[in-house]
C-alpha atoms as a PDB file:
ATOM      1  CA  MET A   1      11.110 -40.019  -7.661  1.00  0.00           C
ATOM      2  CA  LYS A   2      14.655 -40.116  -8.914  1.00  0.00           C
ATOM      3  CA  LEU A   3      15.894 -37.338 -11.167  1.00  0.00           C
ATOM      4  CA  ILE A   4      17.442 -38.972 -14.241  1.00  0.00           C
ATOM      5  CA  SER A   5      18.459 -35.822 -16.097  1.00  0.00           C
ATOM      6  CA  SER A   6      18.179 -32.062 -15.941  1.00  0.00           C
ATOM      7  CA  GLU A   7      19.246 -29.998 -18.933  1.00  0.00           C
ATOM      8  CA  GLU A   8      19.451 -26.222 -18.571  1.00  0.00           C
ATOM      9  CA  LYS A   9      17.959 -24.477 -21.600  1.00  0.00           C
ATOM     10  CA  TYR A  10      17.907 -20.857 -20.451  1.00  0.00           C
ATOM     11  CA  ARG A  11      19.183 -18.657 -17.613  1.00  0.00           C
ATOM     12  CA  ASN A  12      18.946 -14.984 -16.670  1.00  0.00           C
ATOM     13  CA  THR A  13      19.187 -13.021 -13.421  1.00  0.00           C
ATOM     14  CA  LEU A  14      15.649 -13.993 -12.358  1.00  0.00           C
ATOM     15  CA  ILE A  15      15.011 -17.557 -13.584  1.00  0.00           C
ATOM     16  CA  ARG A  16      16.490 -20.766 -14.979  1.00  0.00           C
ATOM     17  CA  LEU A  17      14.619 -23.070 -17.366  1.00  0.00           C
ATOM     18  CA  THR A  18      15.441 -26.776 -17.350  1.00  0.00           C
ATOM     19  CA  PHE A  19      14.049 -29.858 -19.064  1.00  0.00           C
ATOM     20  CA  ASP A  20      13.914 -32.552 -16.379  1.00  0.00           C
ATOM     21  CA  HIS A  21      13.298 -36.283 -16.513  1.00  0.00           C
ATOM     22  CA  ALA A  22      12.433 -38.288 -13.375  1.00  0.00           C
ATOM     23  CA  VAL A  23      11.323 -41.856 -12.703  1.00  0.00           C
ATOM     24  CA  ASP A  24       9.875 -43.578  -9.629  1.00  0.00           C
ATOM     25  CA  PRO A  25      10.735 -47.159  -8.465  1.00  0.00           C
ATOM     26  CA  ASP A  26       7.708 -48.549 -10.381  1.00  0.00           C
ATOM     27  CA  GLY A  27       9.000 -47.085 -13.655  1.00  0.00           C
ATOM     28  CA  PHE A  28       6.536 -44.174 -13.835  1.00  0.00           C
ATOM     29  CA  GLU A  29       8.235 -41.318 -15.707  1.00  0.00           C
ATOM     30  CA  ILE A  30       7.736 -37.576 -15.645  1.00  0.00           C
ATOM     31  CA  LYS A  31       9.274 -35.200 -18.179  1.00  0.00           C
ATOM     32  CA  ARG A  32       8.772 -31.491 -17.602  1.00  0.00           C
ATOM     33  CA  ALA A  33      10.073 -28.062 -18.488  1.00  0.00           C
ATOM     34  CA  ILE A  34      10.660 -26.387 -15.119  1.00  0.00           C
ATOM     35  CA  VAL A  35      11.097 -22.707 -14.359  1.00  0.00           C
ATOM     36  CA  HIS A  36      13.410 -22.312 -11.334  1.00  0.00           C
ATOM     37  CA  HIS A  37      13.072 -19.124  -9.265  1.00  0.00           C
ATOM     38  CA  ARG A  38      14.867 -18.130  -6.026  1.00  0.00           C
ATOM     39  CA  GLY A  39      11.528 -17.371  -4.384  1.00  0.00           C
ATOM     40  CA  SER A  40       9.717 -14.234  -3.400  1.00  0.00           C
ATOM     41  CA  ALA A  41       8.330 -12.363  -0.439  1.00  0.00           C
ATOM     42  CA  VAL A  42       4.826 -10.922  -0.246  1.00  0.00           C
ATOM     43  CA  MET A  43       4.033  -8.112   2.161  1.00  0.00           C
ATOM     44  CA  LEU A  44       0.590  -7.682   3.661  1.00  0.00           C
ATOM     45  CA  ALA A  45       1.084  -4.173   5.075  1.00  0.00           C
ATOM     46  CA  MET A  46      -1.674  -3.214   7.515  1.00  0.00           C
ATOM     47  CA  ASP A  47      -1.996   0.241   9.055  1.00  0.00           C
ATOM     48  CA  SER A  48      -3.352   1.180  12.482  1.00  0.00           C
ATOM     49  CA  ARG A  49      -6.849   1.490  10.977  1.00  0.00           C
ATOM     50  CA  LYS A  50      -6.626  -2.162   9.800  1.00  0.00           C
ATOM     51  CA  ARG A  51      -6.453  -1.125   6.143  1.00  0.00           C
ATOM     52  CA  VAL A  52      -4.274  -3.091   3.722  1.00  0.00           C
ATOM     53  CA  MET A  53      -2.023  -1.470   1.139  1.00  0.00           C
ATOM     54  CA  LEU A  54      -2.294  -2.727  -2.414  1.00  0.00           C
ATOM     55  CA  VAL A  55      -0.129  -1.688  -5.313  1.00  0.00           C
ATOM     56  CA  ARG A  56      -1.221  -1.344  -8.908  1.00  0.00           C
ATOM     57  CA  GLN A  57       1.143  -1.877 -11.775  1.00  0.00           C
ATOM     58  CA  TYR A  58       1.144  -3.064 -15.357  1.00  0.00           C
ATOM     59  CA  ARG A  59       1.823  -6.795 -15.651  1.00  0.00           C
ATOM     60  CA  LEU A  60       3.236  -7.567 -19.089  1.00  0.00           C
ATOM     61  CA  PRO A  61       2.477 -11.342 -19.049  1.00  0.00           C
ATOM     62  CA  VAL A  62      -1.274 -10.701 -18.630  1.00  0.00           C
ATOM     63  CA  GLY A  63      -1.348  -7.410 -20.537  1.00  0.00           C
ATOM     64  CA  LYS A  64      -3.076  -5.255 -17.906  1.00  0.00           C
ATOM     65  CA  LYS A  65      -2.707  -3.311 -14.692  1.00  0.00           C
ATOM     66  CA  MET A  66      -3.468  -5.309 -11.572  1.00  0.00           C
ATOM     67  CA  TRP A  67      -4.124  -4.496  -7.926  1.00  0.00           C
ATOM     68  CA  GLU A  68      -2.075  -6.796  -5.706  1.00  0.00           C
ATOM     69  CA  LEU A  69      -0.044  -6.963  -2.533  1.00  0.00           C
ATOM     70  CA  PRO A  70       3.500  -5.652  -2.855  1.00  0.00           C
ATOM     71  CA  ALA A  71       5.998  -8.433  -3.481  1.00  0.00           C
ATOM     72  CA  GLY A  72       9.460  -9.046  -4.808  1.00  0.00           C
ATOM     73  CA  SER A  73      12.012 -11.670  -5.725  1.00  0.00           C
ATOM     74  CA  VAL A  74      14.533 -12.903  -3.202  1.00  0.00           C
ATOM     75  CA  ASP A  75      17.973 -11.660  -4.226  1.00  0.00           C
ATOM     76  CA  GLU A  76      20.950 -13.990  -4.019  1.00  0.00           C
ATOM     77  CA  GLY A  77      22.132 -14.209  -0.410  1.00  0.00           C
ATOM     78  CA  GLU A  78      18.870 -12.835   1.004  1.00  0.00           C
ATOM     79  CA  THR A  79      16.273 -14.540   3.147  1.00  0.00           C
ATOM     80  CA  PRO A  80      12.583 -14.045   2.316  1.00  0.00           C
ATOM     81  CA  PHE A  81      12.279 -11.846   5.446  1.00  0.00           C
ATOM     82  CA  GLN A  82      15.148  -9.596   4.296  1.00  0.00           C
ATOM     83  CA  THR A  83      13.466  -9.381   0.897  1.00  0.00           C
ATOM     84  CA  ALA A  84      10.153  -8.421   2.506  1.00  0.00           C
ATOM     85  CA  LYS A  85      11.714  -5.518   4.404  1.00  0.00           C
ATOM     86  CA  ARG A  86      13.613  -4.288   1.320  1.00  0.00           C
ATOM     87  CA  GLU A  87      10.698  -4.626  -1.096  1.00  0.00           C
ATOM     88  CA  LEU A  88       8.161  -2.952   1.216  1.00  0.00           C
ATOM     89  CA  LYS A  89      10.397   0.129   1.368  1.00  0.00           C
ATOM     90  CA  GLU A  90      11.163   0.087  -2.370  1.00  0.00           C
ATOM     91  CA  GLU A  91       7.585  -0.337  -3.601  1.00  0.00           C
ATOM     92  CA  THR A  92       5.579   1.597  -0.991  1.00  0.00           C
ATOM     93  CA  GLY A  93       8.029   3.717   0.990  1.00  0.00           C
ATOM     94  CA  CYS A  94       6.832   2.047   4.203  1.00  0.00           C
ATOM     95  CA  THR A  95       8.907   0.468   6.931  1.00  0.00           C
ATOM     96  CA  ALA A  96       7.384  -1.781   9.591  1.00  0.00           C
ATOM     97  CA  SER A  97       8.298  -2.232  13.243  1.00  0.00           C
ATOM     98  CA  LYS A  98       6.428  -5.547  13.568  1.00  0.00           C
ATOM     99  CA  TRP A  99       6.599  -8.538  11.228  1.00  0.00           C
ATOM    100  CA  GLU A 100       4.866 -11.893  11.298  1.00  0.00           C
ATOM    101  CA  LYS A 101       5.270 -14.761   8.845  1.00  0.00           C
ATOM    102  CA  LEU A 102       1.804 -15.901   7.765  1.00  0.00           C
ATOM    103  CA  LEU A 103       2.661 -18.793   5.417  1.00  0.00           C
ATOM    104  CA  SER A 104       4.623 -20.045   2.438  1.00  0.00           C
ATOM    105  CA  PHE A 105       3.202 -21.611  -0.715  1.00  0.00           C
ATOM    106  CA  TYR A 106       4.043 -22.696  -4.258  1.00  0.00           C
ATOM    107  CA  PRO A 107       1.975 -20.651  -6.754  1.00  0.00           C
ATOM    108  CA  SER A 108       2.104 -23.089  -9.677  1.00  0.00           C
ATOM    109  CA  PRO A 109       4.020 -26.288  -8.785  1.00  0.00           C
ATOM    110  CA  GLY A 110       3.255 -28.015 -12.082  1.00  0.00           C
ATOM    111  CA  PHE A 111       6.035 -26.119 -13.853  1.00  0.00           C
ATOM    112  CA  LEU A 112       7.325 -23.394 -11.499  1.00  0.00           C
ATOM    113  CA  ALA A 113       9.793 -24.028  -8.651  1.00  0.00           C
ATOM    114  CA  GLU A 114       9.085 -20.779  -6.794  1.00  0.00           C
ATOM    115  CA  LYS A 115       8.227 -20.562  -3.114  1.00  0.00           C
ATOM    116  CA  MET A 116       6.366 -17.438  -2.014  1.00  0.00           C
ATOM    117  CA  THR A 117       6.374 -16.366   1.632  1.00  0.00           C
ATOM    118  CA  ILE A 118       3.730 -13.978   2.958  1.00  0.00           C
ATOM    119  CA  PHE A 119       4.549 -11.618   5.818  1.00  0.00           C
ATOM    120  CA  LEU A 120       2.196  -9.407   7.812  1.00  0.00           C
ATOM    121  CA  ALA A 121       3.814  -5.992   8.333  1.00  0.00           C
ATOM    122  CA  THR A 122       2.402  -3.647  10.997  1.00  0.00           C
ATOM    123  CA  GLY A 123       3.644  -0.668  12.989  1.00  0.00           C
ATOM    124  CA  LEU A 124       4.131   1.155   9.713  1.00  0.00           C
ATOM    125  CA  LYS A 125       6.020   4.369   9.124  1.00  0.00           C
ATOM    126  CA  GLN A 126       5.622   6.105   5.761  1.00  0.00           C
ATOM    127  CA  GLY A 127       8.643   7.240   3.755  1.00  0.00           C
ATOM    128  CA  ASP A 128       9.549   7.692   0.107  1.00  0.00           C
ATOM    129  CA  ALA A 129       9.168   4.767  -2.289  1.00  0.00           C
ATOM    130  CA  GLN A 130      12.195   3.724  -4.334  1.00  0.00           C
ATOM    131  CA  PRO A 131      10.802   1.635  -7.221  1.00  0.00           C
ATOM    132  CA  MET A 132      13.050  -0.011  -9.793  1.00  0.00           C
ATOM    133  CA  GLU A 133      13.528   1.657 -13.190  1.00  0.00           C
ATOM    134  CA  ASP A 134      10.968  -0.609 -14.884  1.00  0.00           C
ATOM    135  CA  GLU A 135       8.299  -0.217 -12.169  1.00  0.00           C
ATOM    136  CA  ARG A 136       5.484   2.353 -12.192  1.00  0.00           C
ATOM    137  CA  ILE A 137       3.647   1.614  -8.969  1.00  0.00           C
ATOM    138  CA  GLU A 138       0.465   3.197  -7.619  1.00  0.00           C
ATOM    139  CA  CYS A 139      -0.257   2.564  -3.901  1.00  0.00           C
ATOM    140  CA  HIS A 140      -3.653   2.702  -2.212  1.00  0.00           C
ATOM    141  CA  TRP A 141      -5.111   1.678   1.156  1.00  0.00           C
ATOM    142  CA  PHE A 142      -8.163  -0.620   1.145  1.00  0.00           C
ATOM    143  CA  THR A 143     -10.290  -2.100   3.888  1.00  0.00           C
ATOM    144  CA  ARG A 144     -10.314  -5.862   4.114  1.00  0.00           C
ATOM    145  CA  ALA A 145     -13.999  -5.829   3.102  1.00  0.00           C
ATOM    146  CA  GLU A 146     -13.172  -3.788  -0.016  1.00  0.00           C
ATOM    147  CA  ILE A 147     -10.452  -6.241  -1.010  1.00  0.00           C
ATOM    148  CA  GLU A 148     -12.672  -9.259  -0.409  1.00  0.00           C
ATOM    149  CA  LYS A 149     -15.402  -7.652  -2.538  1.00  0.00           C
ATOM    150  CA  GLN A 150     -12.876  -7.019  -5.327  1.00  0.00           C
ATOM    151  CA  ILE A 151     -11.732 -10.648  -5.123  1.00  0.00           C
ATOM    152  CA  SER A 152     -15.268 -12.062  -5.212  1.00  0.00           C
ATOM    153  CA  SER A 153     -16.219  -9.811  -8.142  1.00  0.00           C
ATOM    154  CA  GLY A 154     -13.150 -10.884 -10.148  1.00  0.00           C
ATOM    155  CA  HIS A 155     -11.492  -7.465 -10.151  1.00  0.00           C
ATOM    156  CA  ILE A 156      -8.557  -8.743  -8.112  1.00  0.00           C
ATOM    157  CA  GLN A 157      -7.181 -11.825  -9.870  1.00  0.00           C
ATOM    158  CA  ASP A 158      -3.748 -12.028  -8.279  1.00  0.00           C
ATOM    159  CA  ALA A 159      -3.289 -15.372  -6.497  1.00  0.00           C
ATOM    160  CA  LYS A 160      -0.822 -14.180  -3.867  1.00  0.00           C
ATOM    161  CA  THR A 161      -3.241 -11.458  -2.786  1.00  0.00           C
ATOM    162  CA  MET A 162      -6.125 -13.926  -2.593  1.00  0.00           C
ATOM    163  CA  ILE A 163      -4.054 -16.410  -0.583  1.00  0.00           C
ATOM    164  CA  ALA A 164      -2.775 -13.708   1.759  1.00  0.00           C
ATOM    165  CA  MET A 165      -6.288 -12.448   2.469  1.00  0.00           C
ATOM    166  CA  LEU A 166      -7.425 -15.999   3.213  1.00  0.00           C
ATOM    167  CA  ALA A 167      -4.396 -16.493   5.493  1.00  0.00           C
ATOM    168  CA  LEU A 168      -5.238 -13.267   7.304  1.00  0.00           C
ATOM    169  CA  ARG A 169      -8.824 -14.386   7.782  1.00  0.00           C
ATOM    170  CA  LEU A 170      -7.685 -17.805   9.068  1.00  0.00           C
ATOM    171  CA  ARG A 171      -5.119 -16.160  11.344  1.00  0.00           C
ATOM    172  CA  GLY A 172      -7.914 -14.104  12.889  1.00  0.00           C
ATOM    173  CA  ALA A 173     -10.015 -17.201  13.498  1.00  0.00           C
ATOM    174  CA  LYS A 174      -7.006 -19.058  14.916  1.00  0.00           C
ATOM    175  CA  ALA A 175      -6.066 -16.128  17.181  1.00  0.00           C
ATOM    176  CA  ILE A 176      -9.577 -16.107  18.618  1.00  0.00           C
ATOM    177  CA  THR A 177      -9.370 -19.810  19.497  1.00  0.00           C
ATOM    178  CA  LYS A 178      -5.674 -20.130  20.408  1.00  0.00           C
ATOM    179  CA  LYS A 179      -4.600 -16.581  21.369  1.00  0.00           C
ATOM    180  CA  SER A 180      -1.173 -17.144  19.868  1.00  0.00           C
ATOM    181  CA  THR A 181       0.895 -15.881  16.947  1.00  0.00           C
ATOM    182  CA  THR A 182       4.114 -16.923  15.287  1.00  0.00           C
ATOM    183  CA  LYS A 183       6.783 -14.226  15.101  1.00  0.00           C
ATOM    184  CA  VAL A 184       9.457 -13.943  12.438  1.00  0.00           C
END
């Protein structure tokens, strides 16, 4: 595909919106409105009892409170790993001594140019949370079985949380067969 044109229609500190036009060598054309985002980090914080911390906050786009893994947008000049460390402290008060990148994915590539990176955070130490002014965050520890039950029943509908739990399950299966992990 060759990008023919890209016209910026909107910009703020979090996103840019463009109308893009692309064509392939056979003449097939695609015209789309694209939301550009710097990316985000997702933290799967697991304590020594193998419980996972979820946060609950009101999500204006869907009009309800949702349980999900803590996450945050990559600030300009940051790497996703730097974002993960900063956001874990801000949203939960936790710091982690061990980090492992689980995977990266695109949550909605049909219109959104955002790459999310999931990190497993262990060796946790609890401190004071420092949420942003517009965040009211409730934190709670759940077992993996409790989270999986909430996903299968439809109570957890957050895609990044679902993907992270699947990645954790696959990591466990892979570790059993390969006995190896990838460090950040």
